[in-house]
């Protein structure tokens, strides 16, 4: 449940309403919460009034801020005494002072630099001898001559394929000093053409995937990665974590392919995780087509968007998650309930599990991964 959905004052008001005689089930249904959430509120706010809650929150925040300030100031004074107030003129002196503060006070480099008034760049700098740019310049000139319209990105890509391990910044510097820059042409804004969806008539014909986000009781944000089979409406995955890079998305899909077989295509939006190199490599290795919708057109991914709205209304908005483990347990239970106990009119008033069971292995053979 998002932390901003109910304020502390509103929560106390709900507790007082039930204490005054209102039925708990009626109040929970009106607010769209579970009884478990109500009792968790009661354990934290049960004996408090609205003014007391406000004062307690303000005092806790002020106390936390003052403790941090006092601790930082005391440690800062002690460190400055140990350093002895010497002027740090050379870069070597600054590096030595920062190292001493880090070791003696057990603080990070960032904090040590802030206390001493030293910039982090000269502290972290490590001098290296300049290498000869001749061979790289010669190869860049030859490639630019062979491909007159190639810029730095394509030339760097070609050098990587040939085994050059130079940093991209070094390649760009040599490229610029050699005068190899090409004239920029005006480019039209490109959009993805709209591709009509083929009807998903059997399982594994097409999957859809998307992300959702919510917050814990502590205010920490977590993400929910959903994968749905467009034919059977089965929620194949509902994974919870604080972040989901492209490699994590590929790992979840690999797990699903091993358990269920690979789909013909997967529909997704243009989020950074879905256009990442890791997911593109995974799709190429497994022979799966990634069908990206047009930017700003979520209706082209309607199956998972409809599923997301049900998850938001029937699960996320009704629970006050205390931790990631609590969120995973609750969402896993909802996934099982959605698959086995929630009926769909589009499936002939059957559950996704019942509808999926109506297909035989010959109806939807699992594609080979080779």
Protein backbone atom coordinates (compact mmCIF):
# COMPACT_ATOMS: atom_id res chain seq x y z
CA UNK A 1 0.00 0.00 0.00
CA UNK A 2 1.33 3.42 -0.85
CA UNK A 3 2.32 5.35 2.26
CA UNK A 4 0.53 8.48 1.04
CA UNK A 5 -2.83 6.70 0.67
CA UNK A 6 -3.70 7.13 4.35
CA UNK A 7 -2.17 9.72 6.67
CA UNK A 8 -1.54 9.03 10.35
CA UNK A 9 -4.52 11.22 11.21
CA UNK A 10 -6.80 9.26 8.89
CA UNK A 11 -5.59 5.96 10.34
CA UNK A 12 -6.32 7.15 13.90
CA UNK A 13 -9.74 8.30 12.73
CA UNK A 14 -10.48 4.81 11.40
CA UNK A 15 -9.42 3.24 14.72
CA UNK A 16 -11.65 5.65 16.67
CA UNK A 17 -14.55 4.87 14.31
CA UNK A 18 -14.31 1.14 15.04
CA UNK A 19 -13.88 1.79 18.77
CA UNK A 20 -17.10 3.85 18.75
CA UNK A 21 -19.12 0.87 17.57
CA UNK A 22 -18.75 0.65 13.78
CA UNK A 23 -18.45 -2.86 12.37
CA UNK A 24 -14.89 -3.77 11.43
CA UNK A 25 -15.84 -5.64 8.25
CA UNK A 26 -17.94 -2.72 7.00
CA UNK A 27 -15.18 -0.20 7.65
CA UNK A 28 -12.55 -2.39 5.95
CA UNK A 29 -14.76 -2.92 2.90
CA UNK A 30 -15.50 0.82 2.62
CA UNK A 31 -11.82 1.72 2.80
CA UNK A 32 -10.67 -1.17 0.60
CA UNK A 33 -8.30 -2.67 3.20
CA UNK A 34 -7.96 -6.04 4.88
CA UNK A 35 -8.53 -6.79 8.54
CA UNK A 36 -4.84 -7.66 8.87
CA UNK A 37 -3.97 -4.11 7.81
CA UNK A 38 -6.42 -2.72 10.40
CA UNK A 39 -4.84 -4.69 13.24
CA UNK A 40 -1.38 -3.63 12.15
CA UNK A 41 -2.55 0.00 12.33
CA UNK A 42 -4.04 -0.65 15.75
CA UNK A 43 -0.79 -2.11 17.12
CA UNK A 44 1.05 1.07 16.16
CA UNK A 45 -1.53 3.84 16.64
CA UNK A 46 -4.08 2.21 18.97
CA UNK A 47 -3.51 4.39 22.08
CA UNK A 48 -2.75 7.66 20.30
CA UNK A 49 -4.80 10.72 19.44
CA UNK A 50 -4.28 12.86 16.34
CA UNK A 51 -2.32 15.66 18.12
CA UNK A 52 -0.17 13.07 19.87
CA UNK A 53 0.65 11.37 16.56
CA UNK A 54 1.68 14.67 15.02
CA UNK A 55 3.84 15.61 17.99
CA UNK A 56 5.42 12.15 18.11
CA UNK A 57 6.29 12.25 14.43
CA UNK A 58 7.77 15.73 14.74
CA UNK A 59 9.76 14.80 17.87
CA UNK A 60 11.12 11.62 16.29
CA UNK A 61 12.29 13.49 13.23
CA UNK A 62 13.86 16.29 15.27
CA UNK A 63 15.57 13.82 17.62
CA UNK A 64 16.98 11.83 14.71
CA UNK A 65 18.27 14.98 13.03
CA UNK A 66 19.89 16.32 16.21
CA UNK A 67 21.59 13.02 17.00
CA UNK A 68 23.06 12.88 13.54
CA UNK A 69 24.27 16.49 13.74
CA UNK A 70 25.85 16.04 17.18
CA UNK A 71 27.60 12.82 16.20
CA UNK A 72 28.94 14.29 12.96
CA UNK A 73 30.12 17.47 14.67
CA UNK A 74 31.89 15.63 17.48
CA UNK A 75 33.67 13.33 15.08
CA UNK A 76 34.57 16.25 12.82
CA UNK A 77 36.17 18.16 15.72
CA UNK A 78 38.17 15.14 16.81
CA UNK A 79 39.44 14.50 13.28
CA UNK A 80 40.52 18.10 12.79
CA UNK A 81 42.42 17.96 16.09
CA UNK A 82 44.22 14.81 14.99
CA UNK A 83 45.19 16.32 11.64
CA UNK A 84 46.65 19.28 13.53
CA UNK A 85 45.27 22.10 11.40
CA UNK A 86 48.11 21.89 8.86
CA UNK A 87 47.63 23.50 5.49
CA UNK A 88 47.15 20.93 2.76
CA UNK A 89 48.99 22.44 -0.18
CA UNK A 90 50.02 19.60 -2.47
CA UNK A 91 47.87 16.81 -3.85
CA UNK A 92 50.01 14.26 -2.02
CA UNK A 93 49.34 16.00 1.30
CA UNK A 94 45.61 15.98 0.61
CA UNK A 95 45.64 12.29 -0.26
CA UNK A 96 47.62 11.44 2.88
CA UNK A 97 45.30 13.48 5.11
CA UNK A 98 42.18 11.89 3.63
CA UNK A 99 43.63 8.40 4.03
CA UNK A 100 44.51 9.14 7.66
CA UNK A 101 41.00 10.40 8.41
CA UNK A 102 39.43 7.35 6.74
CA UNK A 103 41.54 4.94 8.78
CA UNK A 104 41.30 6.74 12.14
CA UNK A 105 37.61 7.70 12.05
CA UNK A 106 36.35 4.75 9.96
CA UNK A 107 34.43 7.04 7.62
CA UNK A 108 33.96 7.09 3.87
CA UNK A 109 36.17 8.98 1.46
CA UNK A 110 33.32 11.37 0.67
CA UNK A 111 32.87 12.38 4.33
CA UNK A 112 36.61 12.68 4.95
CA UNK A 113 36.96 15.03 1.97
CA UNK A 114 34.02 17.10 3.18
CA UNK A 115 35.50 17.51 6.66
CA UNK A 116 38.92 18.55 5.32
CA UNK A 117 37.52 20.75 2.56
CA UNK A 118 39.24 18.71 -0.14
CA UNK A 119 37.81 17.86 -3.53
CA UNK A 120 37.54 14.15 -4.26
CA UNK A 121 38.99 14.34 -7.79
CA UNK A 122 42.67 14.90 -6.85
CA UNK A 123 42.34 12.33 -4.05
CA UNK A 124 41.15 9.61 -6.40
CA UNK A 125 43.42 10.54 -9.30
CA UNK A 126 46.00 7.94 -10.29
CA UNK A 127 48.58 9.11 -12.82
CA UNK A 128 49.23 6.78 -15.73
CA UNK A 129 51.77 7.16 -18.52
CA UNK A 130 50.27 8.27 -21.81
CA UNK A 131 50.23 5.55 -24.43
CA UNK A 132 51.15 5.92 -28.07
CA UNK A 133 48.07 6.79 -30.12
CA UNK A 134 49.74 6.09 -33.48
CA UNK A 135 48.37 2.58 -34.18
CA UNK A 136 44.87 3.55 -33.05
CA UNK A 137 44.90 6.72 -35.14
CA UNK A 138 46.05 4.77 -38.20
CA UNK A 139 43.30 2.14 -37.82
CA UNK A 140 40.62 4.78 -37.19
CA UNK A 141 41.68 6.69 -40.29
CA UNK A 142 41.49 3.53 -42.38
CA UNK A 143 38.03 2.61 -41.05
CA UNK A 144 36.75 6.17 -41.57
CA UNK A 145 38.02 6.02 -45.16
CA UNK A 146 36.25 2.69 -45.75
CA UNK A 147 33.01 3.91 -44.12
CA UNK A 148 32.71 7.68 -44.72
CA UNK A 149 29.39 8.06 -42.83
CA UNK A 150 30.37 6.12 -39.73
CA UNK A 151 30.74 8.16 -36.57
CA UNK A 152 32.37 7.38 -33.24
CA UNK A 153 29.80 4.81 -32.01
CA UNK A 154 30.02 2.62 -35.11
CA UNK A 155 33.79 2.95 -35.36
CA UNK A 156 34.13 2.01 -31.68
CA UNK A 157 31.87 -0.98 -32.23
CA UNK A 158 34.03 -2.13 -35.16
CA UNK A 159 37.22 -1.72 -33.13
CA UNK A 160 35.71 -3.82 -30.35
CA UNK A 161 34.95 -6.59 -32.83
CA UNK A 162 38.55 -6.47 -34.01
CA UNK A 163 39.82 -6.89 -30.45
CA UNK A 164 40.84 -3.33 -29.56
CA UNK A 165 40.39 -2.77 -25.80
CA UNK A 166 40.83 1.00 -25.71
CA UNK A 167 38.42 3.07 -23.66
CA UNK A 168 35.66 4.75 -25.68
CA UNK A 169 36.79 8.16 -24.43
CA UNK A 170 40.30 7.58 -25.76
CA UNK A 171 38.92 6.47 -29.12
CA UNK A 172 36.75 9.59 -29.28
CA UNK A 173 39.72 11.84 -28.41
CA UNK A 174 41.92 10.32 -31.12
CA UNK A 175 38.99 10.48 -33.56
CA UNK A 176 38.48 14.17 -32.85
CA UNK A 177 42.18 15.08 -33.03
CA UNK A 178 42.50 13.24 -36.36
CA UNK A 179 39.77 15.43 -37.84
CA UNK A 180 37.54 12.49 -38.75
CA UNK A 181 34.23 13.98 -37.58
CA UNK A 182 31.42 13.72 -40.15
CA UNK A 183 28.85 16.39 -40.88
CA UNK A 184 25.62 15.89 -38.99
CA UNK A 185 22.52 15.52 -41.11
CA UNK A 186 19.08 16.62 -39.99
CA UNK A 187 17.15 13.62 -38.82
CA UNK A 188 13.44 13.10 -38.66
CA UNK A 189 11.90 11.82 -35.47
CA UNK A 190 11.32 8.11 -35.87
CA UNK A 191 8.45 6.28 -34.23
CA UNK A 192 7.77 2.59 -34.09
CA UNK A 193 5.17 1.57 -36.67
CA UNK A 194 2.00 0.16 -35.25
CA UNK A 195 1.95 -3.60 -35.68
CA UNK A 196 -1.48 -5.29 -35.42
CA UNK A 197 -1.69 -7.98 -32.75
CA UNK A 198 -2.34 -11.49 -33.88
CA UNK A 199 -4.97 -13.22 -31.79
CA UNK A 200 -3.45 -15.47 -29.12
CA UNK A 201 -5.48 -18.65 -29.64
CA UNK A 202 -3.23 -21.11 -27.80
CA UNK A 203 -0.96 -20.90 -24.75
CA UNK A 204 2.56 -19.60 -25.35
CA UNK A 205 1.50 -17.83 -28.53
CA UNK A 206 2.08 -14.44 -26.96
CA UNK A 207 3.10 -13.19 -23.51
CA UNK A 208 2.85 -9.66 -22.17
CA UNK A 209 5.04 -8.08 -19.50
CA UNK A 210 5.13 -4.81 -17.60
CA UNK A 211 6.23 -3.22 -14.32
CA UNK A 212 4.27 -1.80 -11.39
CA UNK A 213 5.49 0.05 -8.32
CA UNK A 214 4.30 0.44 -4.74
CA UNK A 215 5.72 1.37 -1.33
CA UNK A 216 6.30 -0.41 1.96
CA UNK A 217 5.17 0.88 5.34
CA UNK A 218 8.66 2.37 5.76
CA UNK A 219 8.26 4.43 2.59
CA UNK A 220 10.71 2.34 0.54
CA UNK A 221 9.65 1.84 -3.07
CA UNK A 222 9.56 -1.63 -4.61
CA UNK A 223 8.82 -2.86 -8.12
CA UNK A 224 6.53 -5.66 -9.27
CA UNK A 225 7.38 -7.45 -12.55
CA UNK A 226 4.32 -9.08 -14.14
CA UNK A 227 4.27 -11.58 -17.02
CA UNK A 228 0.89 -12.72 -18.42
CA UNK A 229 -0.07 -15.32 -21.02
CA UNK A 230 -2.46 -13.43 -23.34
CA UNK A 231 -4.37 -16.58 -24.27
CA UNK A 232 -5.08 -18.10 -20.86
CA UNK A 233 -4.73 -14.85 -18.80
CA UNK A 234 -2.44 -16.76 -16.41
CA UNK A 235 -0.07 -14.61 -14.34
CA UNK A 236 3.15 -16.48 -15.11
CA UNK A 237 5.34 -14.28 -12.90
CA UNK A 238 4.77 -11.64 -10.23
CA UNK A 239 8.29 -11.00 -8.91
CA UNK A 240 8.94 -8.36 -6.25
CA UNK A 241 12.24 -6.55 -5.73
CA UNK A 242 13.64 -3.06 -5.26
CA UNK A 243 15.14 -2.96 -8.77
CA UNK A 244 14.85 -4.94 -12.00
CA UNK A 245 17.65 -4.39 -14.54
CA UNK A 246 17.53 -6.06 -17.93
CA UNK A 247 19.58 -9.01 -16.69
CA UNK A 248 17.04 -9.69 -13.92
CA UNK A 249 14.18 -9.59 -16.47
CA UNK A 250 16.07 -12.10 -18.63
CA UNK A 251 16.60 -14.36 -15.58
CA UNK A 252 12.85 -14.39 -14.80
CA UNK A 253 11.99 -15.20 -18.43
CA UNK A 254 14.59 -17.99 -18.48
CA UNK A 255 12.95 -19.50 -15.41
CA UNK A 256 9.52 -19.36 -17.10
CA UNK A 257 10.82 -20.90 -20.34
CA UNK A 258 12.32 -23.84 -18.43
CA UNK A 259 9.04 -24.47 -16.62
CA UNK A 260 6.60 -23.77 -19.46
CA UNK A 261 8.36 -23.56 -22.82
CA UNK A 262 9.20 -20.46 -24.80
CA UNK A 263 6.58 -18.14 -26.32
CA UNK A 264 6.49 -17.07 -29.95
CA UNK A 265 6.55 -13.38 -29.01
CA UNK A 266 6.48 -11.10 -25.97
CA UNK A 267 4.72 -7.73 -25.98
CA UNK A 268 6.27 -4.95 -23.87
CA UNK A 269 6.66 -1.19 -23.72
CA UNK A 270 9.82 0.83 -24.37
CA UNK A 271 11.15 0.96 -20.80
CA UNK A 272 14.93 0.83 -20.30
CA UNK A 273 14.76 -2.76 -19.04
CA UNK A 274 12.89 -3.94 -22.15
CA UNK A 275 15.17 -2.25 -24.70
CA UNK A 276 18.35 -3.30 -22.90
CA UNK A 277 21.12 -5.30 -24.53
CA UNK A 278 20.73 -8.12 -21.98
CA UNK A 279 17.10 -8.74 -22.97
CA UNK A 280 17.89 -8.45 -26.69
CA UNK A 281 20.61 -11.09 -26.34
CA UNK A 282 18.24 -13.35 -24.39
CA UNK A 283 15.55 -13.04 -27.09
CA UNK A 284 18.04 -13.84 -29.86
CA UNK A 285 19.37 -16.90 -28.02
CA UNK A 286 15.88 -18.29 -27.34
CA UNK A 287 14.31 -17.37 -30.69
CA UNK A 288 11.66 -15.12 -29.13
CA UNK A 289 10.36 -11.98 -30.86
CA UNK A 290 10.17 -8.86 -28.68
CA UNK A 291 7.21 -6.78 -29.87
CA UNK A 292 7.56 -3.23 -28.53
CA UNK A 293 4.47 -1.06 -28.53
CA UNK A 294 4.43 2.50 -29.82
CA UNK A 295 5.64 5.06 -27.24
CA UNK A 296 2.73 6.54 -25.30
CA UNK A 297 0.27 3.83 -26.45
CA UNK A 298 -0.29 1.55 -23.43
CA UNK A 299 -3.55 0.32 -24.97
CA UNK A 300 -1.41 -1.69 -27.40
CA UNK A 301 -0.35 -3.79 -24.40
CA UNK A 302 -3.91 -4.10 -23.14
CA UNK A 303 -3.74 -7.59 -21.61
CA UNK A 304 -1.07 -6.83 -19.04
CA UNK A 305 -2.44 -3.31 -18.44
CA UNK A 306 -5.83 -4.82 -17.58
CA UNK A 307 -4.11 -7.31 -15.29
CA UNK A 308 -2.17 -4.48 -13.61
CA UNK A 309 -5.39 -2.65 -12.81
CA UNK A 310 -6.80 -5.77 -11.12
CA UNK A 311 -3.61 -6.22 -9.09
CA UNK A 312 -3.67 -2.57 -8.00
CA UNK A 313 -7.35 -2.69 -6.98
CA UNK A 314 -7.52 -6.16 -5.45
CA UNK A 315 -4.09 -6.54 -3.86
CA UNK A 316 -1.77 -3.54 -3.60
CA UNK A 317 -4.40 -1.04 -2.44
CA UNK A 318 -5.73 -3.42 0.21
CA UNK A 319 -2.51 -4.28 2.03
CA UNK A 320 -0.04 -2.34 4.14
CA UNK A 321 3.24 -4.16 3.47
CA UNK A 322 5.72 -4.18 6.34
CA UNK A 323 8.69 -5.55 4.38
CA UNK A 324 9.72 -7.03 1.04
CA UNK A 325 9.20 -10.52 2.46
CA UNK A 326 5.67 -9.58 3.51
CA UNK A 327 4.96 -8.15 0.05
CA UNK A 328 6.30 -11.29 -1.66
CA UNK A 329 4.14 -13.58 0.49
CA UNK A 330 0.99 -11.54 -0.06
CA UNK A 331 1.50 -11.12 -3.82
CA UNK A 332 2.38 -14.80 -4.26
CA UNK A 333 -0.87 -15.74 -2.53
CA UNK A 334 -2.78 -13.34 -4.77
CA UNK A 335 -1.11 -14.81 -7.87
CA UNK A 336 -2.27 -18.30 -6.88
CA UNK A 337 -5.77 -17.01 -6.13
CA UNK A 338 -5.97 -15.13 -9.43
CA UNK A 339 -4.92 -18.22 -11.36
CA UNK A 340 -7.09 -20.81 -9.61
CA UNK A 341 -10.04 -18.95 -8.08
CA UNK A 342 -10.77 -15.81 -10.10
CA UNK A 343 -13.17 -16.35 -12.98
CA UNK A 344 -13.03 -14.42 -16.26
CA UNK A 345 -15.96 -13.68 -18.53
CA UNK A 346 -13.58 -13.67 -21.52
CA UNK A 347 -12.68 -17.28 -20.70
CA UNK A 348 -16.29 -18.46 -20.50
CA UNK A 349 -16.53 -17.76 -16.76
CA UNK A 350 -13.65 -20.13 -16.10
CA UNK A 351 -10.48 -19.53 -14.13
CA UNK A 352 -7.18 -19.21 -16.01
CA UNK A 353 -6.10 -22.60 -14.67
CA UNK A 354 -9.33 -24.27 -15.86
CA UNK A 355 -9.07 -22.62 -19.25
CA UNK A 356 -5.42 -23.65 -19.63
CA UNK A 357 -6.31 -27.23 -18.70
CA UNK A 358 -8.71 -27.37 -21.64
CA UNK A 359 -5.74 -27.36 -24.04
CA UNK A 360 -3.89 -30.60 -24.71
CA UNK A 361 -0.17 -30.93 -25.42
CA UNK A 362 -0.96 -31.33 -29.13
CA UNK A 363 -2.88 -28.01 -29.06
CA UNK A 364 0.14 -26.05 -27.89
CA UNK A 365 3.40 -27.99 -28.21
CA UNK A 366 6.27 -26.31 -26.40
CA UNK A 367 8.68 -24.82 -28.97
CA UNK A 368 12.15 -26.30 -29.00
CA UNK A 369 14.91 -24.17 -27.53
CA UNK A 370 17.40 -25.35 -30.15
